[in-house]
């Protein structure tokens, strides 16, 4: 009695693990965000399984039924179009329901877009916050304003057609000289990791036609220590 959470490649099909392939072969049913996209992956892997749609538009209606099927003995795996389920993708509701019912949840390690983007950014990664997708309209500015004093490195997902808008809004509220990085087409042939200030990045992407998934990594605000604190530290070091 177990739900399997199986990450799938975010671009390069070689990034799926041997364990993920084995689990997908062993389960009775695979839940997929888009059955056409996942069908292509399974055909590439030589796996023939029943696929059922589990996406943002129906997960609120189906998660209880799926948990019931697992409780009754079905071996079910959840995948999404790319990356790890429940990270800005469907999955949270089903995981929570399974836990509430005492059903074991096994989440395999694997691809997720924000980790390589963070490491590639060159920005501090000892402490960071993942914000996922910003609201498209209502609440967007409020959310950005709430992060003005965030000292940790911030990570956002964004769509190609809102990339420049996001960079310009970040520049407005965080400061145009704040360092950032934009990663797109991660793990694919035309992967790009562009680094610079928010103003520089906005100007750069205004002149490009951008496709693919986007990850924006933004430097946190620098905390300034007062002169007294600095003097005390220097005095302690020289004693």
C-alpha atoms as a PDB file:
ATOM      1  CA  UNK A   1       0.000   0.000   0.000  1.00  0.00           C
ATOM      2  CA  UNK A   2       2.100   2.850  -1.322  1.00  0.00           C
ATOM      3  CA  UNK A   3       2.060   5.933  -3.557  1.00  0.00           C
ATOM      4  CA  UNK A   4       5.181   6.415  -5.671  1.00  0.00           C
ATOM      5  CA  UNK A   5       6.253   9.949  -6.579  1.00  0.00           C
ATOM      6  CA  UNK A   6       8.487   9.659  -9.640  1.00  0.00           C
ATOM      7  CA  UNK A   7      10.440  12.640 -11.050  1.00  0.00           C
ATOM      8  CA  UNK A   8      10.832  12.774 -14.824  1.00  0.00           C
ATOM      9  CA  UNK A   9      13.429  14.569 -16.983  1.00  0.00           C
ATOM     10  CA  UNK A  10      13.070  18.340 -17.344  1.00  0.00           C
ATOM     11  CA  UNK A  11      14.560  18.138 -20.835  1.00  0.00           C
ATOM     12  CA  UNK A  12      17.314  15.616 -21.369  1.00  0.00           C
ATOM     13  CA  UNK A  13      15.754  12.146 -21.418  1.00  0.00           C
ATOM     14  CA  UNK A  14      18.989  10.615 -20.090  1.00  0.00           C
ATOM     15  CA  UNK A  15      18.283  12.194 -16.698  1.00  0.00           C
ATOM     16  CA  UNK A  16      15.750   9.598 -15.569  1.00  0.00           C
ATOM     17  CA  UNK A  17      17.098   7.158 -12.985  1.00  0.00           C
ATOM     18  CA  UNK A  18      17.215   3.379 -13.214  1.00  0.00           C
ATOM     19  CA  UNK A  19      15.051   3.208 -10.108  1.00  0.00           C
ATOM     20  CA  UNK A  20      12.430   5.478 -11.665  1.00  0.00           C
ATOM     21  CA  UNK A  21      12.277   3.240 -14.749  1.00  0.00           C
ATOM     22  CA  UNK A  22      11.885   0.138 -12.579  1.00  0.00           C
ATOM     23  CA  UNK A  23       9.056   1.654 -10.543  1.00  0.00           C
ATOM     24  CA  UNK A  24       7.200   2.804 -13.652  1.00  0.00           C
ATOM     25  CA  UNK A  25       7.418  -0.738 -15.011  1.00  0.00           C
ATOM     26  CA  UNK A  26       6.175  -2.309 -11.767  1.00  0.00           C
ATOM     27  CA  UNK A  27       3.135  -0.155 -10.954  1.00  0.00           C
ATOM     28  CA  UNK A  28      -0.386  -0.883 -12.146  1.00  0.00           C
ATOM     29  CA  UNK A  29      -1.306   2.699 -13.050  1.00  0.00           C
ATOM     30  CA  UNK A  30       0.602   5.901 -13.812  1.00  0.00           C
ATOM     31  CA  UNK A  31      -0.985   9.269 -13.086  1.00  0.00           C
ATOM     32  CA  UNK A  32       0.216  11.875 -15.580  1.00  0.00           C
ATOM     33  CA  UNK A  33      -0.206  15.633 -15.838  1.00  0.00           C
ATOM     34  CA  UNK A  34      -0.529  15.348 -19.620  1.00  0.00           C
ATOM     35  CA  UNK A  35      -1.025  11.819 -20.929  1.00  0.00           C
ATOM     36  CA  UNK A  36       0.303  12.760 -24.389  1.00  0.00           C
ATOM     37  CA  UNK A  37       3.571  14.156 -23.030  1.00  0.00           C
ATOM     38  CA  UNK A  38       4.034  11.267 -20.619  1.00  0.00           C
ATOM     39  CA  UNK A  39       3.046   8.793 -23.305  1.00  0.00           C
ATOM     40  CA  UNK A  40       5.977   9.966 -25.413  1.00  0.00           C
ATOM     41  CA  UNK A  41       8.353   9.450 -22.471  1.00  0.00           C
ATOM     42  CA  UNK A  42       7.033   5.973 -21.726  1.00  0.00           C
ATOM     43  CA  UNK A  43       7.340   4.943 -25.365  1.00  0.00           C
ATOM     44  CA  UNK A  44      10.935   6.160 -25.326  1.00  0.00           C
ATOM     45  CA  UNK A  45      11.554   3.987 -22.255  1.00  0.00           C
ATOM     46  CA  UNK A  46       9.723   1.002 -23.723  1.00  0.00           C
ATOM     47  CA  UNK A  47       7.077   1.008 -20.992  1.00  0.00           C
ATOM     48  CA  UNK A  48       3.432   0.126 -21.653  1.00  0.00           C
ATOM     49  CA  UNK A  49       1.144   1.193 -18.822  1.00  0.00           C
ATOM     50  CA  UNK A  50      -2.297   2.638 -18.308  1.00  0.00           C
ATOM     51  CA  UNK A  51      -2.124   6.420 -18.031  1.00  0.00           C
ATOM     52  CA  UNK A  52      -4.715   8.509 -16.200  1.00  0.00           C
ATOM     53  CA  UNK A  53      -4.827  12.304 -16.243  1.00  0.00           C
ATOM     54  CA  UNK A  54      -4.055  13.983 -12.917  1.00  0.00           C
ATOM     55  CA  UNK A  55      -3.647  17.727 -13.351  1.00  0.00           C
ATOM     56  CA  UNK A  56      -4.501  21.053 -11.734  1.00  0.00           C
ATOM     57  CA  UNK A  57      -8.000  21.066 -13.219  1.00  0.00           C
ATOM     58  CA  UNK A  58      -9.138  17.701 -11.838  1.00  0.00           C
ATOM     59  CA  UNK A  59      -6.907  16.853  -8.853  1.00  0.00           C
ATOM     60  CA  UNK A  60      -9.381  18.412  -6.384  1.00  0.00           C
ATOM     61  CA  UNK A  61     -12.021  15.950  -7.583  1.00  0.00           C
ATOM     62  CA  UNK A  62      -9.936  12.798  -7.904  1.00  0.00           C
ATOM     63  CA  UNK A  63      -7.340  12.675  -5.120  1.00  0.00           C
ATOM     64  CA  UNK A  64      -9.650  10.911  -2.638  1.00  0.00           C
ATOM     65  CA  UNK A  65     -10.645   8.271  -5.190  1.00  0.00           C
ATOM     66  CA  UNK A  66      -7.005   7.645  -6.085  1.00  0.00           C
ATOM     67  CA  UNK A  67      -6.038   7.262  -2.432  1.00  0.00           C
ATOM     68  CA  UNK A  68      -8.900   4.789  -2.030  1.00  0.00           C
ATOM     69  CA  UNK A  69      -7.590   2.741  -4.959  1.00  0.00           C
ATOM     70  CA  UNK A  70      -4.134   2.613  -3.381  1.00  0.00           C
ATOM     71  CA  UNK A  71      -5.671   1.550  -0.062  1.00  0.00           C
ATOM     72  CA  UNK A  72      -7.423  -1.267  -1.926  1.00  0.00           C
ATOM     73  CA  UNK A  73      -4.159  -2.575  -3.348  1.00  0.00           C
ATOM     74  CA  UNK A  74      -3.454  -0.715  -6.592  1.00  0.00           C
ATOM     75  CA  UNK A  75       0.198   0.215  -7.138  1.00  0.00           C
ATOM     76  CA  UNK A  76       0.127   3.779  -8.438  1.00  0.00           C
ATOM     77  CA  UNK A  77       2.876   6.178  -9.497  1.00  0.00           C
ATOM     78  CA  UNK A  78       2.480   9.924  -9.996  1.00  0.00           C
ATOM     79  CA  UNK A  79       4.520  11.775 -12.616  1.00  0.00           C
ATOM     80  CA  UNK A  80       4.252  15.224 -14.187  1.00  0.00           C
ATOM     81  CA  UNK A  81       5.302  16.624 -17.543  1.00  0.00           C
ATOM     82  CA  UNK A  82       8.773  17.377 -16.217  1.00  0.00           C
ATOM     83  CA  UNK A  83      10.519  17.427 -12.862  1.00  0.00           C
ATOM     84  CA  UNK A  84       9.360  16.352  -9.418  1.00  0.00           C
ATOM     85  CA  UNK A  85       5.592  16.161  -8.773  1.00  0.00           C
ATOM     86  CA  UNK A  86       4.160  18.652  -6.243  1.00  0.00           C
ATOM     87  CA  UNK A  87       6.900  21.240  -6.956  1.00  0.00           C
ATOM     88  CA  UNK A  88       4.756  23.861  -8.750  1.00  0.00           C
ATOM     89  CA  UNK A  89       2.887  20.873 -10.194  1.00  0.00           C
ATOM     90  CA  UNK A  90      -0.002  18.614  -9.065  1.00  0.00           C
ATOM     91  CA  UNK A  91       0.727  16.219  -6.232  1.00  0.00           C
ATOM     92  CA  UNK A  92       0.370  17.921  -2.868  1.00  0.00           C
ATOM     93  CA  UNK A  93      -3.308  17.076  -2.359  1.00  0.00           C
ATOM     94  CA  UNK A  94      -2.783  13.402  -3.144  1.00  0.00           C
ATOM     95  CA  UNK A  95       0.309  13.122  -0.938  1.00  0.00           C
ATOM     96  CA  UNK A  96      -1.514  14.770   1.967  1.00  0.00           C
ATOM     97  CA  UNK A  97      -4.526  12.474   1.567  1.00  0.00           C
ATOM     98  CA  UNK A  98      -2.353   9.352   1.495  1.00  0.00           C
ATOM     99  CA  UNK A  99      -0.518  10.428   4.640  1.00  0.00           C
ATOM    100  CA  UNK A 100      -3.835  11.094   6.375  1.00  0.00           C
ATOM    101  CA  UNK A 101      -4.988   7.570   5.494  1.00  0.00           C
ATOM    102  CA  UNK A 102      -1.774   5.962   6.680  1.00  0.00           C
ATOM    103  CA  UNK A 103      -0.647   5.129   3.141  1.00  0.00           C
ATOM    104  CA  UNK A 104       3.105   5.155   2.669  1.00  0.00           C
ATOM    105  CA  UNK A 105       4.485   7.734   0.238  1.00  0.00           C
ATOM    106  CA  UNK A 106       7.786   6.983  -1.495  1.00  0.00           C
ATOM    107  CA  UNK A 107       9.284   9.994  -3.269  1.00  0.00           C
ATOM    108  CA  UNK A 108      12.182   9.184  -5.565  1.00  0.00           C
ATOM    109  CA  UNK A 109      15.009  11.716  -5.931  1.00  0.00           C
ATOM    110  CA  UNK A 110      15.424  13.176  -9.358  1.00  0.00           C
ATOM    111  CA  UNK A 111      15.191  16.164 -11.688  1.00  0.00           C
ATOM    112  CA  UNK A 112      13.852  19.534 -10.601  1.00  0.00           C
ATOM    113  CA  UNK A 113      14.574  22.772 -12.433  1.00  0.00           C
ATOM    114  CA  UNK A 114      15.401  25.133  -9.580  1.00  0.00           C
ATOM    115  CA  UNK A 115      18.421  23.212  -8.228  1.00  0.00           C
ATOM    116  CA  UNK A 116      20.671  23.468 -11.326  1.00  0.00           C
ATOM    117  CA  UNK A 117      19.470  27.045 -11.879  1.00  0.00           C
ATOM    118  CA  UNK A 118      20.454  27.989  -8.321  1.00  0.00           C
ATOM    119  CA  UNK A 119      23.870  26.365  -8.542  1.00  0.00           C
ATOM    120  CA  UNK A 120      24.511  27.885 -11.991  1.00  0.00           C
ATOM    121  CA  UNK A 121      23.569  31.373 -10.808  1.00  0.00           C
ATOM    122  CA  UNK A 122      26.723  31.877  -8.764  1.00  0.00           C
ATOM    123  CA  UNK A 123      24.586  33.463  -6.047  1.00  0.00           C
ATOM    124  CA  UNK A 124      24.714  32.296  -2.405  1.00  0.00           C
ATOM    125  CA  UNK A 125      22.993  28.921  -2.061  1.00  0.00           C
ATOM    126  CA  UNK A 126      23.593  28.125   1.603  1.00  0.00           C
ATOM    127  CA  UNK A 127      20.177  29.635   2.336  1.00  0.00           C
ATOM    128  CA  UNK A 128      17.437  30.276  -0.200  1.00  0.00           C
ATOM    129  CA  UNK A 129      13.662  30.482  -0.612  1.00  0.00           C
ATOM    130  CA  UNK A 130      11.685  28.927  -3.444  1.00  0.00           C
ATOM    131  CA  UNK A 131       8.690  31.055  -4.463  1.00  0.00           C
ATOM    132  CA  UNK A 132       7.557  29.127  -7.552  1.00  0.00           C
ATOM    133  CA  UNK A 133       5.245  31.010  -9.927  1.00  0.00           C
ATOM    134  CA  UNK A 134       4.153  34.511  -8.977  1.00  0.00           C
ATOM    135  CA  UNK A 135       0.426  35.288  -9.255  1.00  0.00           C
ATOM    136  CA  UNK A 136      -0.329  36.321 -12.830  1.00  0.00           C
ATOM    137  CA  UNK A 137      -2.459  39.334 -11.939  1.00  0.00           C
ATOM    138  CA  UNK A 138      -4.147  39.767  -8.571  1.00  0.00           C
ATOM    139  CA  UNK A 139      -1.657  39.703  -5.727  1.00  0.00           C
ATOM    140  CA  UNK A 140       1.442  39.802  -7.935  1.00  0.00           C
ATOM    141  CA  UNK A 141       2.777  43.172  -6.739  1.00  0.00           C
ATOM    142  CA  UNK A 142       1.789  42.399  -3.159  1.00  0.00           C
ATOM    143  CA  UNK A 143       3.834  39.203  -3.283  1.00  0.00           C
ATOM    144  CA  UNK A 144       6.876  40.969  -4.720  1.00  0.00           C
ATOM    145  CA  UNK A 145       6.631  43.756  -2.128  1.00  0.00           C
ATOM    146  CA  UNK A 146       6.561  41.162   0.659  1.00  0.00           C
ATOM    147  CA  UNK A 147       9.996  39.950  -0.484  1.00  0.00           C
ATOM    148  CA  UNK A 148      11.719  43.352  -0.556  1.00  0.00           C
ATOM    149  CA  UNK A 149      13.572  42.638   2.712  1.00  0.00           C
ATOM    150  CA  UNK A 150      14.224  38.945   2.021  1.00  0.00           C
ATOM    151  CA  UNK A 151      17.926  38.267   2.701  1.00  0.00           C
ATOM    152  CA  UNK A 152      17.994  34.757   1.240  1.00  0.00           C
ATOM    153  CA  UNK A 153      18.530  34.053  -2.443  1.00  0.00           C
ATOM    154  CA  UNK A 154      15.092  33.917  -4.092  1.00  0.00           C
ATOM    155  CA  UNK A 155      14.012  31.478  -6.796  1.00  0.00           C
ATOM    156  CA  UNK A 156      11.051  31.982  -9.128  1.00  0.00           C
ATOM    157  CA  UNK A 157       9.499  30.092 -12.021  1.00  0.00           C
ATOM    158  CA  UNK A 158       8.162  32.193 -14.886  1.00  0.00           C
ATOM    159  CA  UNK A 159       6.677  31.752 -18.331  1.00  0.00           C
ATOM    160  CA  UNK A 160       8.575  33.098 -21.386  1.00  0.00           C
ATOM    161  CA  UNK A 161       6.027  35.800 -22.219  1.00  0.00           C
ATOM    162  CA  UNK A 162       6.119  37.235 -18.680  1.00  0.00           C
ATOM    163  CA  UNK A 163       9.890  37.062 -18.223  1.00  0.00           C
ATOM    164  CA  UNK A 164      10.686  40.691 -19.072  1.00  0.00           C
ATOM    165  CA  UNK A 165       7.743  41.941 -17.010  1.00  0.00           C
ATOM    166  CA  UNK A 166       8.982  39.960 -14.008  1.00  0.00           C
ATOM    167  CA  UNK A 167      12.540  41.266 -14.360  1.00  0.00           C
ATOM    168  CA  UNK A 168      11.283  44.846 -14.646  1.00  0.00           C
ATOM    169  CA  UNK A 169       9.063  44.450 -11.577  1.00  0.00           C
ATOM    170  CA  UNK A 170      11.927  42.927  -9.593  1.00  0.00           C
ATOM    171  CA  UNK A 171      14.157  45.838 -10.654  1.00  0.00           C
ATOM    172  CA  UNK A 172      11.485  48.306  -9.524  1.00  0.00           C
ATOM    173  CA  UNK A 173      11.033  46.818  -6.053  1.00  0.00           C
ATOM    174  CA  UNK A 174      14.396  45.146  -5.335  1.00  0.00           C
ATOM    175  CA  UNK A 175      16.631  47.676  -7.112  1.00  0.00           C
ATOM    176  CA  UNK A 176      17.865  47.698 -10.686  1.00  0.00           C
ATOM    177  CA  UNK A 177      21.415  46.815  -9.617  1.00  0.00           C
ATOM    178  CA  UNK A 178      20.391  43.663  -7.698  1.00  0.00           C
ATOM    179  CA  UNK A 179      22.261  40.637  -9.069  1.00  0.00           C
ATOM    180  CA  UNK A 180      20.244  37.853 -10.669  1.00  0.00           C
ATOM    181  CA  UNK A 181      20.351  34.951 -13.095  1.00  0.00           C
ATOM    182  CA  UNK A 182      17.923  33.635 -15.694  1.00  0.00           C
ATOM    183  CA  UNK A 183      18.074  29.968 -16.707  1.00  0.00           C
ATOM    184  CA  UNK A 184      16.066  28.512 -19.567  1.00  0.00           C
ATOM    185  CA  UNK A 185      15.943  25.261 -21.552  1.00  0.00           C
ATOM    186  CA  UNK A 186      17.819  23.555 -18.705  1.00  0.00           C
ATOM    187  CA  UNK A 187      19.502  20.229 -19.635  1.00  0.00           C
ATOM    188  CA  UNK A 188      18.600  20.766 -23.314  1.00  0.00           C
ATOM    189  CA  UNK A 189      20.803  21.500 -26.317  1.00  0.00           C
ATOM    190  CA  UNK A 190      20.177  25.262 -26.174  1.00  0.00           C
ATOM    191  CA  UNK A 191      20.440  25.689 -22.407  1.00  0.00           C
ATOM    192  CA  UNK A 192      21.182  29.269 -21.394  1.00  0.00           C
ATOM    193  CA  UNK A 193      22.215  30.710 -18.035  1.00  0.00           C
ATOM    194  CA  UNK A 194      22.410  34.504 -18.240  1.00  0.00           C
ATOM    195  CA  UNK A 195      23.747  36.448 -15.259  1.00  0.00           C
ATOM    196  CA  UNK A 196      23.824  40.168 -14.484  1.00  0.00           C
ATOM    197  CA  UNK A 197      21.864  42.893 -12.727  1.00  0.00           C
ATOM    198  CA  UNK A 198      18.095  42.915 -12.995  1.00  0.00           C
ATOM    199  CA  UNK A 199      18.277  45.936 -15.303  1.00  0.00           C
ATOM    200  CA  UNK A 200      20.863  44.266 -17.541  1.00  0.00           C
ATOM    201  CA  UNK A 201      18.838  41.076 -17.761  1.00  0.00           C
ATOM    202  CA  UNK A 202      15.621  42.946 -18.606  1.00  0.00           C
ATOM    203  CA  UNK A 203      17.383  44.806 -21.428  1.00  0.00           C
ATOM    204  CA  UNK A 204      18.971  41.589 -22.720  1.00  0.00           C
ATOM    205  CA  UNK A 205      15.742  39.568 -22.886  1.00  0.00           C
ATOM    206  CA  UNK A 206      13.764  42.429 -24.452  1.00  0.00           C
ATOM    207  CA  UNK A 207      15.776  41.759 -27.601  1.00  0.00           C
ATOM    208  CA  UNK A 208      15.271  37.980 -27.635  1.00  0.00           C
ATOM    209  CA  UNK A 209      12.475  35.599 -28.493  1.00  0.00           C
ATOM    210  CA  UNK A 210      12.413  33.343 -25.464  1.00  0.00           C
ATOM    211  CA  UNK A 211      11.036  29.806 -25.323  1.00  0.00           C
ATOM    212  CA  UNK A 212      10.993  27.050 -22.747  1.00  0.00           C
ATOM    213  CA  UNK A 213      10.715  26.894 -18.984  1.00  0.00           C
ATOM    214  CA  UNK A 214      12.264  29.826 -17.114  1.00  0.00           C
ATOM    215  CA  UNK A 215      13.925  29.941 -13.688  1.00  0.00           C
ATOM    216  CA  UNK A 216      14.854  33.340 -12.225  1.00  0.00           C
ATOM    217  CA  UNK A 217      17.289  33.458  -9.305  1.00  0.00           C
ATOM    218  CA  UNK A 218      17.580  36.776  -7.468  1.00  0.00           C
ATOM    219  CA  UNK A 219      20.111  37.858  -4.874  1.00  0.00           C
ATOM    220  CA  UNK A 220      18.685  38.589  -1.426  1.00  0.00           C
ATOM    221  CA  UNK A 221      18.978  41.994   0.202  1.00  0.00           C
ATOM    222  CA  UNK A 222      22.316  42.543   1.897  1.00  0.00           C
ATOM    223  CA  UNK A 223      22.064  43.013   5.648  1.00  0.00           C
ATOM    224  CA  UNK A 224      24.199  45.921   6.807  1.00  0.00           C
ATOM    225  CA  UNK A 225      25.739  45.773  10.248  1.00  0.00           C
ATOM    226  CA  UNK A 226      25.986  48.996  12.205  1.00  0.00           C
ATOM    227  CA  UNK A 227      29.356  50.544  12.926  1.00  0.00           C
ATOM    228  CA  UNK A 228      29.287  49.590  16.598  1.00  0.00           C
ATOM    229  CA  UNK A 229      28.806  45.885  15.760  1.00  0.00           C
ATOM    230  CA  UNK A 230      31.646  46.025  13.251  1.00  0.00           C
ATOM    231  CA  UNK A 231      33.961  47.710  15.764  1.00  0.00           C
ATOM    232  CA  UNK A 232      33.192  45.109  18.407  1.00  0.00           C
ATOM    233  CA  UNK A 233      33.971  42.285  15.940  1.00  0.00           C
ATOM    234  CA  UNK A 234      37.295  43.857  14.991  1.00  0.00           C
ATOM    235  CA  UNK A 235      38.213  44.356  18.625  1.00  0.00           C
ATOM    236  CA  UNK A 236      37.401  40.726  19.445  1.00  0.00           C
ATOM    237  CA  UNK A 237      39.567  39.509  16.579  1.00  0.00           C
ATOM    238  CA  UNK A 238      42.588  41.563  17.702  1.00  0.00           C
ATOM    239  CA  UNK A 239      42.466  40.558  21.361  1.00  0.00           C
END
